[in-house]
PDB file of N, CA and C in Angstrom:
ATOM      1  N   UNK A   1     -42.081  85.448 -25.975  1.00  0.00           N
ATOM      2  CA  UNK A   1     -42.006  84.690 -27.202  1.00  0.00           C
ATOM      3  C   UNK A   1     -41.908  83.203 -26.879  1.00  0.00           C
ATOM      4  N   UNK A   2     -42.443  82.414 -27.759  1.00  0.00           N
ATOM      5  CA  UNK A   2     -42.401  80.967 -27.605  1.00  0.00           C
ATOM      6  C   UNK A   2     -41.138  80.425 -28.269  1.00  0.00           C
ATOM      7  N   UNK A   3     -40.424  79.572 -27.549  1.00  0.00           N
ATOM      8  CA  UNK A   3     -39.188  78.986 -28.053  1.00  0.00           C
ATOM      9  C   UNK A   3     -39.513  77.642 -28.691  1.00  0.00           C
ATOM     10  N   UNK A   4     -38.986  77.421 -29.884  1.00  0.00           N
ATOM     11  CA  UNK A   4     -39.168  76.157 -30.603  1.00  0.00           C
ATOM     12  C   UNK A   4     -37.848  75.399 -30.571  1.00  0.00           C
ATOM     13  N   UNK A   5     -37.932  74.096 -30.326  1.00  0.00           N
ATOM     14  CA  UNK A   5     -36.749  73.243 -30.247  1.00  0.00           C
ATOM     15  C   UNK A   5     -36.746  72.276 -31.418  1.00  0.00           C
ATOM     16  N   UNK A   6     -35.583  72.150 -32.063  1.00  0.00           N
ATOM     17  CA  UNK A   6     -35.447  71.275 -33.225  1.00  0.00           C
ATOM     18  C   UNK A   6     -34.247  70.346 -33.034  1.00  0.00           C
ATOM     19  N   UNK A   7     -34.416  69.104 -33.433  1.00  0.00           N
ATOM     20  CA  UNK A   7     -33.310  68.147 -33.396  1.00  0.00           C
ATOM     21  C   UNK A   7     -32.635  68.137 -34.761  1.00  0.00           C
ATOM     22  N   UNK A   8     -32.070  69.250 -35.121  1.00  0.00           N
ATOM     23  CA  UNK A   8     -31.416  69.379 -36.425  1.00  0.00           C
ATOM     24  C   UNK A   8     -30.344  70.458 -36.347  1.00  0.00           C
ATOM     25  N   UNK A   9     -29.328  70.281 -37.181  1.00  0.00           N
ATOM     26  CA  UNK A   9     -28.249  71.260 -37.264  1.00  0.00           C
ATOM     27  C   UNK A   9     -28.781  72.511 -37.962  1.00  0.00           C
ATOM     28  N   UNK A  10     -28.535  73.685 -37.396  1.00  0.00           N
ATOM     29  CA  UNK A  10     -28.983  74.931 -38.038  1.00  0.00           C
ATOM     30  C   UNK A  10     -28.247  75.164 -39.360  1.00  0.00           C
ATOM     31  N   UNK A  11     -28.819  75.988 -40.195  1.00  0.00           N
ATOM     32  CA  UNK A  11     -28.159  76.393 -41.437  1.00  0.00           C
ATOM     33  C   UNK A  11     -26.869  77.144 -41.088  1.00  0.00           C
ATOM     34  N   UNK A  12     -25.840  77.048 -41.937  1.00  0.00           N
ATOM     35  CA  UNK A  12     -24.545  77.666 -41.622  1.00  0.00           C
ATOM     36  C   UNK A  12     -24.618  79.155 -41.291  1.00  0.00           C
ATOM     37  N   UNK A  13     -25.379  79.926 -42.048  1.00  0.00           N
ATOM     38  CA  UNK A  13     -25.431  81.365 -41.783  1.00  0.00           C
ATOM     39  C   UNK A  13     -26.150  81.675 -40.471  1.00  0.00           C
ATOM     40  N   UNK A  14     -27.159  80.886 -40.126  1.00  0.00           N
ATOM     41  CA  UNK A  14     -27.867  81.054 -38.858  1.00  0.00           C
ATOM     42  C   UNK A  14     -26.928  80.714 -37.701  1.00  0.00           C
ATOM     43  N   UNK A  15     -26.185  79.631 -37.845  1.00  0.00           N
ATOM     44  CA  UNK A  15     -25.216  79.218 -36.826  1.00  0.00           C
ATOM     45  C   UNK A  15     -24.129  80.270 -36.644  1.00  0.00           C
ATOM     46  N   UNK A  16     -23.577  80.761 -37.742  1.00  0.00           N
ATOM     47  CA  UNK A  16     -22.517  81.780 -37.672  1.00  0.00           C
ATOM     48  C   UNK A  16     -23.004  83.050 -36.982  1.00  0.00           C
ATOM     49  N   UNK A  17     -24.223  83.467 -37.276  1.00  0.00           N
ATOM     50  CA  UNK A  17     -24.789  84.659 -36.642  1.00  0.00           C
ATOM     51  C   UNK A  17     -24.934  84.442 -35.133  1.00  0.00           C
ATOM     52  N   UNK A  18     -25.367  83.247 -34.736  1.00  0.00           N
ATOM     53  CA  UNK A  18     -25.499  82.929 -33.310  1.00  0.00           C
ATOM     54  C   UNK A  18     -24.145  82.947 -32.610  1.00  0.00           C
ATOM     55  N   UNK A  19     -23.152  82.263 -33.179  1.00  0.00           N
ATOM     56  CA  UNK A  19     -21.822  82.207 -32.565  1.00  0.00           C
ATOM     57  C   UNK A  19     -21.250  83.609 -32.431  1.00  0.00           C
ATOM     58  N   UNK A  20     -21.414  84.422 -33.451  1.00  0.00           N
ATOM     59  CA  UNK A  20     -20.915  85.805 -33.378  1.00  0.00           C
ATOM     60  C   UNK A  20     -21.622  86.579 -32.260  1.00  0.00           C
ATOM     61  N   UNK A  21     -22.907  86.314 -32.040  1.00  0.00           N
ATOM     62  CA  UNK A  21     -23.667  87.055 -31.028  1.00  0.00           C
ATOM     63  C   UNK A  21     -23.297  86.667 -29.602  1.00  0.00           C
ATOM     64  N   UNK A  22     -22.689  85.478 -29.411  1.00  0.00           N
ATOM     65  CA  UNK A  22     -22.335  85.055 -28.052  1.00  0.00           C
ATOM     66  C   UNK A  22     -20.834  85.115 -27.772  1.00  0.00           C
ATOM     67  N   UNK A  23     -20.048  85.534 -28.748  1.00  0.00           N
ATOM     68  CA  UNK A  23     -18.583  85.549 -28.597  1.00  0.00           C
ATOM     69  C   UNK A  23     -18.093  86.353 -27.401  1.00  0.00           C
ATOM     70  N   UNK A  24     -18.740  87.446 -27.088  1.00  0.00           N
ATOM     71  CA  UNK A  24     -18.272  88.309 -26.008  1.00  0.00           C
ATOM     72  C   UNK A  24     -18.552  87.729 -24.625  1.00  0.00           C
ATOM     73  N   UNK A  25     -19.551  86.867 -24.514  1.00  0.00           N
ATOM     74  CA  UNK A  25     -19.938  86.360 -23.198  1.00  0.00           C
ATOM     75  C   UNK A  25     -19.589  84.894 -22.976  1.00  0.00           C
ATOM     76  N   UNK A  26     -19.207  84.165 -24.015  1.00  0.00           N
ATOM     77  CA  UNK A  26     -18.921  82.731 -23.877  1.00  0.00           C
ATOM     78  C   UNK A  26     -17.691  82.347 -24.674  1.00  0.00           C
ATOM     79  N   UNK A  27     -17.096  81.243 -24.277  1.00  0.00           N
ATOM     80  CA  UNK A  27     -16.030  80.646 -25.082  1.00  0.00           C
ATOM     81  C   UNK A  27     -16.698  79.862 -26.197  1.00  0.00           C
ATOM     82  N   UNK A  28     -16.426  80.224 -27.426  1.00  0.00           N
ATOM     83  CA  UNK A  28     -17.107  79.590 -28.549  1.00  0.00           C
ATOM     84  C   UNK A  28     -16.229  78.605 -29.305  1.00  0.00           C
ATOM     85  N   UNK A  29     -15.057  78.307 -28.775  1.00  0.00           N
ATOM     86  CA  UNK A  29     -14.139  77.399 -29.458  1.00  0.00           C
ATOM     87  C   UNK A  29     -14.758  76.026 -29.721  1.00  0.00           C
ATOM     88  N   UNK A  30     -15.564  75.532 -28.769  1.00  0.00           N
ATOM     89  CA  UNK A  30     -16.129  74.199 -28.927  1.00  0.00           C
ATOM     90  C   UNK A  30     -17.288  74.155 -29.913  1.00  0.00           C
ATOM     91  N   UNK A  31     -17.751  75.306 -30.354  1.00  0.00           N
ATOM     92  CA  UNK A  31     -18.861  75.349 -31.287  1.00  0.00           C
ATOM     93  C   UNK A  31     -18.392  75.669 -32.698  1.00  0.00           C
ATOM     94  N   UNK A  32     -17.736  74.704 -33.291  1.00  0.00           N
ATOM     95  CA  UNK A  32     -17.358  74.805 -34.695  1.00  0.00           C
ATOM     96  C   UNK A  32     -18.451  74.119 -35.501  1.00  0.00           C
ATOM     97  N   UNK A  33     -18.816  74.704 -36.621  1.00  0.00           N
ATOM     98  CA  UNK A  33     -19.929  74.181 -37.409  1.00  0.00           C
ATOM     99  C   UNK A  33     -19.683  72.734 -37.827  1.00  0.00           C
ATOM    100  N   UNK A  34     -18.470  72.420 -38.225  1.00  0.00           N
ATOM    101  CA  UNK A  34     -18.158  71.062 -38.659  1.00  0.00           C
ATOM    102  C   UNK A  34     -18.412  70.061 -37.528  1.00  0.00           C
ATOM    103  N   UNK A  35     -17.978  70.393 -36.325  1.00  0.00           N
ATOM    104  CA  UNK A  35     -18.175  69.503 -35.179  1.00  0.00           C
ATOM    105  C   UNK A  35     -19.656  69.336 -34.858  1.00  0.00           C
ATOM    106  N   UNK A  36     -20.425  70.414 -34.957  1.00  0.00           N
ATOM    107  CA  UNK A  36     -21.864  70.337 -34.716  1.00  0.00           C
ATOM    108  C   UNK A  36     -22.515  69.432 -35.758  1.00  0.00           C
ATOM    109  N   UNK A  37     -22.113  69.571 -37.001  1.00  0.00           N
ATOM    110  CA  UNK A  37     -22.670  68.744 -38.076  1.00  0.00           C
ATOM    111  C   UNK A  37     -22.348  67.267 -37.884  1.00  0.00           C
ATOM    112  N   UNK A  38     -21.202  66.967 -37.315  1.00  0.00           N
ATOM    113  CA  UNK A  38     -20.783  65.580 -37.117  1.00  0.00           C
ATOM    114  C   UNK A  38     -21.413  64.945 -35.885  1.00  0.00           C
ATOM    115  N   UNK A  39     -21.986  65.742 -35.016  1.00  0.00           N
ATOM    116  CA  UNK A  39     -22.614  65.217 -33.816  1.00  0.00           C
ATOM    117  C   UNK A  39     -23.928  64.515 -34.173  1.00  0.00           C
ATOM    118  N   UNK A  40     -24.171  63.392 -33.527  1.00  0.00           N
ATOM    119  CA  UNK A  40     -25.418  62.651 -33.743  1.00  0.00           C
ATOM    120  C   UNK A  40     -26.563  63.224 -32.908  1.00  0.00           C
ATOM    121  N   UNK A  41     -26.225  64.030 -31.921  1.00  0.00           N
ATOM    122  CA  UNK A  41     -27.223  64.561 -31.000  1.00  0.00           C
ATOM    123  C   UNK A  41     -27.121  66.083 -30.958  1.00  0.00           C
ATOM    124  N   UNK A  42     -28.089  66.744 -31.560  1.00  0.00           N
ATOM    125  CA  UNK A  42     -28.111  68.211 -31.639  1.00  0.00           C
ATOM    126  C   UNK A  42     -29.510  68.696 -31.284  1.00  0.00           C
ATOM    127  N   UNK A  43     -29.581  69.729 -30.453  1.00  0.00           N
ATOM    128  CA  UNK A  43     -30.846  70.407 -30.181  1.00  0.00           C
ATOM    129  C   UNK A  43     -30.597  71.893 -30.369  1.00  0.00           C
ATOM    130  N   UNK A  44     -31.403  72.506 -31.229  1.00  0.00           N
ATOM    131  CA  UNK A  44     -31.302  73.943 -31.483  1.00  0.00           C
ATOM    132  C   UNK A  44     -32.591  74.615 -31.012  1.00  0.00           C
ATOM    133  N   UNK A  45     -32.443  75.755 -30.338  1.00  0.00           N
ATOM    134  CA  UNK A  45     -33.590  76.507 -29.828  1.00  0.00           C
ATOM    135  C   UNK A  45     -33.735  77.797 -30.629  1.00  0.00           C
ATOM    136  N   UNK A  46     -34.958  78.061 -31.080  1.00  0.00           N
ATOM    137  CA  UNK A  46     -35.230  79.228 -31.915  1.00  0.00           C
ATOM    138  C   UNK A  46     -36.315  80.104 -31.306  1.00  0.00           C
ATOM    139  N   UNK A  47     -36.105  81.399 -31.418  1.00  0.00           N
ATOM    140  CA  UNK A  47     -37.144  82.384 -31.142  1.00  0.00           C
ATOM    141  C   UNK A  47     -37.521  82.934 -32.506  1.00  0.00           C
ATOM    142  N   UNK A  48     -38.630  82.459 -33.018  1.00  0.00           N
ATOM    143  CA  UNK A  48     -39.027  82.682 -34.398  1.00  0.00           C
ATOM    144  C   UNK A  48     -37.932  82.097 -35.299  1.00  0.00           C
ATOM    145  N   UNK A  49     -37.272  82.868 -36.135  1.00  0.00           N
ATOM    146  CA  UNK A  49     -36.243  82.329 -37.023  1.00  0.00           C
ATOM    147  C   UNK A  49     -34.831  82.540 -36.489  1.00  0.00           C
ATOM    148  N   UNK A  50     -34.712  83.074 -35.286  1.00  0.00           N
ATOM    149  CA  UNK A  50     -33.405  83.390 -34.720  1.00  0.00           C
ATOM    150  C   UNK A  50     -32.941  82.280 -33.777  1.00  0.00           C
ATOM    151  N   UNK A  51     -31.758  81.734 -34.033  1.00  0.00           N
ATOM    152  CA  UNK A  51     -31.172  80.728 -33.159  1.00  0.00           C
ATOM    153  C   UNK A  51     -30.751  81.403 -31.858  1.00  0.00           C
ATOM    154  N   UNK A  52     -31.274  80.908 -30.727  1.00  0.00           N
ATOM    155  CA  UNK A  52     -30.959  81.527 -29.434  1.00  0.00           C
ATOM    156  C   UNK A  52     -30.242  80.559 -28.501  1.00  0.00           C
ATOM    157  N   UNK A  53     -30.136  79.295 -28.901  1.00  0.00           N
ATOM    158  CA  UNK A  53     -29.428  78.324 -28.092  1.00  0.00           C
ATOM    159  C   UNK A  53     -29.160  77.063 -28.881  1.00  0.00           C
ATOM    160  N   UNK A  54     -28.102  76.358 -28.508  1.00  0.00           N
ATOM    161  CA  UNK A  54     -27.769  75.099 -29.169  1.00  0.00           C
ATOM    162  C   UNK A  54     -27.051  74.198 -28.181  1.00  0.00           C
ATOM    163  N   UNK A  55     -27.298  72.921 -28.320  1.00  0.00           N
ATOM    164  CA  UNK A  55     -26.621  71.934 -27.499  1.00  0.00           C
ATOM    165  C   UNK A  55     -26.251  70.733 -28.344  1.00  0.00           C
ATOM    166  N   UNK A  56     -25.111  70.143 -28.043  1.00  0.00           N
ATOM    167  CA  UNK A  56     -24.649  68.957 -28.763  1.00  0.00           C
ATOM    168  C   UNK A  56     -24.051  67.962 -27.763  1.00  0.00           C
ATOM    169  N   UNK A  57     -24.122  66.699 -28.124  1.00  0.00           N
ATOM    170  CA  UNK A  57     -23.398  65.670 -27.399  1.00  0.00           C
ATOM    171  C   UNK A  57     -22.402  65.091 -28.374  1.00  0.00           C
ATOM    172  N   UNK A  58     -21.139  65.195 -27.999  1.00  0.00           N
ATOM    173  CA  UNK A  58     -20.063  64.639 -28.811  1.00  0.00           C
ATOM    174  C   UNK A  58     -19.546  63.396 -28.104  1.00  0.00           C
ATOM    175  N   UNK A  59     -19.465  62.320 -28.830  1.00  0.00           N
ATOM    176  CA  UNK A  59     -18.959  61.090 -28.237  1.00  0.00           C
ATOM    177  C   UNK A  59     -17.446  61.188 -28.097  1.00  0.00           C
ATOM    178  N   UNK A  60     -16.976  60.837 -26.912  1.00  0.00           N
ATOM    179  CA  UNK A  60     -15.551  60.934 -26.607  1.00  0.00           C
ATOM    180  C   UNK A  60     -14.970  59.555 -26.310  1.00  0.00           C
ATOM    181  N   UNK A  61     -15.457  58.576 -26.999  1.00  0.00           N
ATOM    182  CA  UNK A  61     -15.023  57.196 -26.781  1.00  0.00           C
ATOM    183  C   UNK A  61     -16.230  56.303 -26.644  1.00  0.00           C
ATOM    184  N   UNK A  62     -15.983  55.022 -26.391  1.00  0.00           N
ATOM    185  CA  UNK A  62     -17.086  54.065 -26.311  1.00  0.00           C
ATOM    186  C   UNK A  62     -18.046  54.357 -25.163  1.00  0.00           C
ATOM    187  N   UNK A  63     -17.512  54.693 -24.018  1.00  0.00           N
ATOM    188  CA  UNK A  63     -18.339  54.879 -22.825  1.00  0.00           C
ATOM    189  C   UNK A  63     -18.373  56.307 -22.320  1.00  0.00           C
ATOM    190  N   UNK A  64     -17.964  57.257 -23.132  1.00  0.00           N
ATOM    191  CA  UNK A  64     -17.899  58.644 -22.666  1.00  0.00           C
ATOM    192  C   UNK A  64     -18.496  59.586 -23.706  1.00  0.00           C
ATOM    193  N   UNK A  65     -19.059  60.670 -23.211  1.00  0.00           N
ATOM    194  CA  UNK A  65     -19.622  61.691 -24.084  1.00  0.00           C
ATOM    195  C   UNK A  65     -19.465  63.047 -23.406  1.00  0.00           C
ATOM    196  N   UNK A  66     -19.425  64.081 -24.229  1.00  0.00           N
ATOM    197  CA  UNK A  66     -19.292  65.450 -23.732  1.00  0.00           C
ATOM    198  C   UNK A  66     -20.491  66.248 -24.225  1.00  0.00           C
ATOM    199  N   UNK A  67     -21.141  66.951 -23.300  1.00  0.00           N
ATOM    200  CA  UNK A  67     -22.282  67.784 -23.661  1.00  0.00           C
ATOM    201  C   UNK A  67     -21.854  69.247 -23.619  1.00  0.00           C
ATOM    202  N   UNK A  68     -22.110  69.963 -24.701  1.00  0.00           N
ATOM    203  CA  UNK A  68     -21.850  71.403 -24.765  1.00  0.00           C
ATOM    204  C   UNK A  68     -23.162  72.110 -25.073  1.00  0.00           C
ATOM    205  N   UNK A  69     -23.450  73.151 -24.293  1.00  0.00           N
ATOM    206  CA  UNK A  69     -24.677  73.931 -24.484  1.00  0.00           C
ATOM    207  C   UNK A  69     -24.317  75.404 -24.428  1.00  0.00           C
ATOM    208  N   UNK A  70     -24.884  76.178 -25.341  1.00  0.00           N
ATOM    209  CA  UNK A  70     -24.706  77.635 -25.332  1.00  0.00           C
ATOM    210  C   UNK A  70     -26.056  78.292 -25.568  1.00  0.00           C
ATOM    211  N   UNK A  71     -26.319  79.334 -24.794  1.00  0.00           N
ATOM    212  CA  UNK A  71     -27.567  80.088 -24.920  1.00  0.00           C
ATOM    213  C   UNK A  71     -27.218  81.565 -24.938  1.00  0.00           C
ATOM    214  N   UNK A  72     -27.867  82.301 -25.818  1.00  0.00           N
ATOM    215  CA  UNK A  72     -27.651  83.752 -25.901  1.00  0.00           C
ATOM    216  C   UNK A  72     -27.964  84.381 -24.545  1.00  0.00           C
ATOM    217  N   UNK A  73     -27.149  85.320 -24.124  1.00  0.00           N
ATOM    218  CA  UNK A  73     -27.269  85.911 -22.784  1.00  0.00           C
ATOM    219  C   UNK A  73     -28.639  86.535 -22.513  1.00  0.00           C
ATOM    220  N   UNK A  74     -29.289  87.059 -23.510  1.00  0.00           N
ATOM    221  CA  UNK A  74     -30.599  87.674 -23.272  1.00  0.00           C
ATOM    222  C   UNK A  74     -31.707  86.639 -23.058  1.00  0.00           C
ATOM    223  N   UNK A  75     -31.388  85.359 -23.198  1.00  0.00           N
ATOM    224  CA  UNK A  75     -32.366  84.290 -22.991  1.00  0.00           C
ATOM    225  C   UNK A  75     -32.000  83.395 -21.814  1.00  0.00           C
ATOM    226  N   UNK A  76     -30.982  83.742 -21.052  1.00  0.00           N
ATOM    227  CA  UNK A  76     -30.479  82.883 -19.989  1.00  0.00           C
ATOM    228  C   UNK A  76     -31.493  82.599 -18.885  1.00  0.00           C
ATOM    229  N   UNK A  77     -32.357  83.506 -18.566  1.00  0.00           N
ATOM    230  CA  UNK A  77     -33.290  83.321 -17.454  1.00  0.00           C
ATOM    231  C   UNK A  77     -34.570  82.603 -17.863  1.00  0.00           C
ATOM    232  N   UNK A  78     -34.581  82.040 -19.051  1.00  0.00           N
ATOM    233  CA  UNK A  78     -35.788  81.367 -19.535  1.00  0.00           C
ATOM    234  C   UNK A  78     -35.670  79.848 -19.485  1.00  0.00           C
ATOM    235  N   UNK A  79     -34.663  79.322 -18.822  1.00  0.00           N
ATOM    236  CA  UNK A  79     -34.430  77.894 -18.627  1.00  0.00           C
ATOM    237  C   UNK A  79     -34.239  77.128 -19.937  1.00  0.00           C
ATOM    238  N   UNK A  80     -33.765  77.815 -20.950  1.00  0.00           N
ATOM    239  CA  UNK A  80     -33.523  77.175 -22.245  1.00  0.00           C
ATOM    240  C   UNK A  80     -32.378  76.183 -22.127  1.00  0.00           C
ATOM    241  N   UNK A  81     -31.318  76.560 -21.416  1.00  0.00           N
ATOM    242  CA  UNK A  81     -30.175  75.665 -21.256  1.00  0.00           C
ATOM    243  C   UNK A  81     -30.603  74.358 -20.582  1.00  0.00           C
ATOM    244  N   UNK A  82     -31.395  74.446 -19.534  1.00  0.00           N
ATOM    245  CA  UNK A  82     -31.844  73.250 -18.831  1.00  0.00           C
ATOM    246  C   UNK A  82     -32.717  72.373 -19.733  1.00  0.00           C
ATOM    247  N   UNK A  83     -33.572  73.008 -20.526  1.00  0.00           N
ATOM    248  CA  UNK A  83     -34.455  72.238 -21.399  1.00  0.00           C
ATOM    249  C   UNK A  83     -33.658  71.561 -22.520  1.00  0.00           C
ATOM    250  N   UNK A  84     -32.677  72.253 -23.079  1.00  0.00           N
ATOM    251  CA  UNK A  84     -31.819  71.648 -24.101  1.00  0.00           C
ATOM    252  C   UNK A  84     -31.086  70.442 -23.509  1.00  0.00           C
ATOM    253  N   UNK A  85     -30.552  70.582 -22.299  1.00  0.00           N
ATOM    254  CA  UNK A  85     -29.852  69.473 -21.657  1.00  0.00           C
ATOM    255  C   UNK A  85     -30.796  68.297 -21.424  1.00  0.00           C
ATOM    256  N   UNK A  86     -32.003  68.578 -21.007  1.00  0.00           N
ATOM    257  CA  UNK A  86     -32.981  67.520 -20.788  1.00  0.00           C
ATOM    258  C   UNK A  86     -33.298  66.783 -22.096  1.00  0.00           C
ATOM    259  N   UNK A  87     -33.490  67.525 -23.179  1.00  0.00           N
ATOM    260  CA  UNK A  87     -33.766  66.914 -24.465  1.00  0.00           C
ATOM    261  C   UNK A  87     -32.578  66.097 -24.977  1.00  0.00           C
ATOM    262  N   UNK A  88     -31.372  66.612 -24.797  1.00  0.00           N
ATOM    263  CA  UNK A  88     -30.187  65.872 -25.229  1.00  0.00           C
ATOM    264  C   UNK A  88     -30.025  64.585 -24.429  1.00  0.00           C
ATOM    265  N   UNK A  89     -30.230  64.640 -23.127  1.00  0.00           N
ATOM    266  CA  UNK A  89     -30.107  63.434 -22.313  1.00  0.00           C
ATOM    267  C   UNK A  89     -31.141  62.393 -22.730  1.00  0.00           C
ATOM    268  N   UNK A  90     -32.366  62.826 -23.002  1.00  0.00           N
ATOM    269  CA  UNK A  90     -33.414  61.900 -23.433  1.00  0.00           C
ATOM    270  C   UNK A  90     -33.081  61.280 -24.780  1.00  0.00           C
ATOM    271  N   UNK A  91     -32.486  62.060 -25.644  1.00  0.00           N
ATOM    272  CA  UNK A  91     -32.119  61.573 -26.975  1.00  0.00           C
ATOM    273  C   UNK A  91     -30.924  60.632 -26.909  1.00  0.00           C
ATOM    274  N   UNK A  92     -30.018  60.888 -25.994  1.00  0.00           N
ATOM    275  CA  UNK A  92     -28.776  60.117 -25.895  1.00  0.00           C
ATOM    276  C   UNK A  92     -29.003  58.753 -25.251  1.00  0.00           C
ATOM    277  N   UNK A  93     -29.933  58.682 -24.330  1.00  0.00           N
ATOM    278  CA  UNK A  93     -30.156  57.423 -23.568  1.00  0.00           C
ATOM    279  C   UNK A  93     -30.844  56.391 -24.431  1.00  0.00           C
TER     280      UNK A  93
END
């Protein structure tokens, strides 16, 4: 399947379904919908209409930022995490 990348916050129900699907394999505390919505830098990866990965850069002060990326375990070997990080870095610079 072809993965589509969007620089937009996913719809709440799509985001909630994704977070629920990765809860068993990842710490999802940092992925609160409100925090994602407040981030200026968001990249969401979709397989058709299903969210399979998301990355955000949260500013942690004037000269600091934190990047968080999560990818569904069944998509880990497709380099989605690396591509999301690359897109976020390009957007942030």
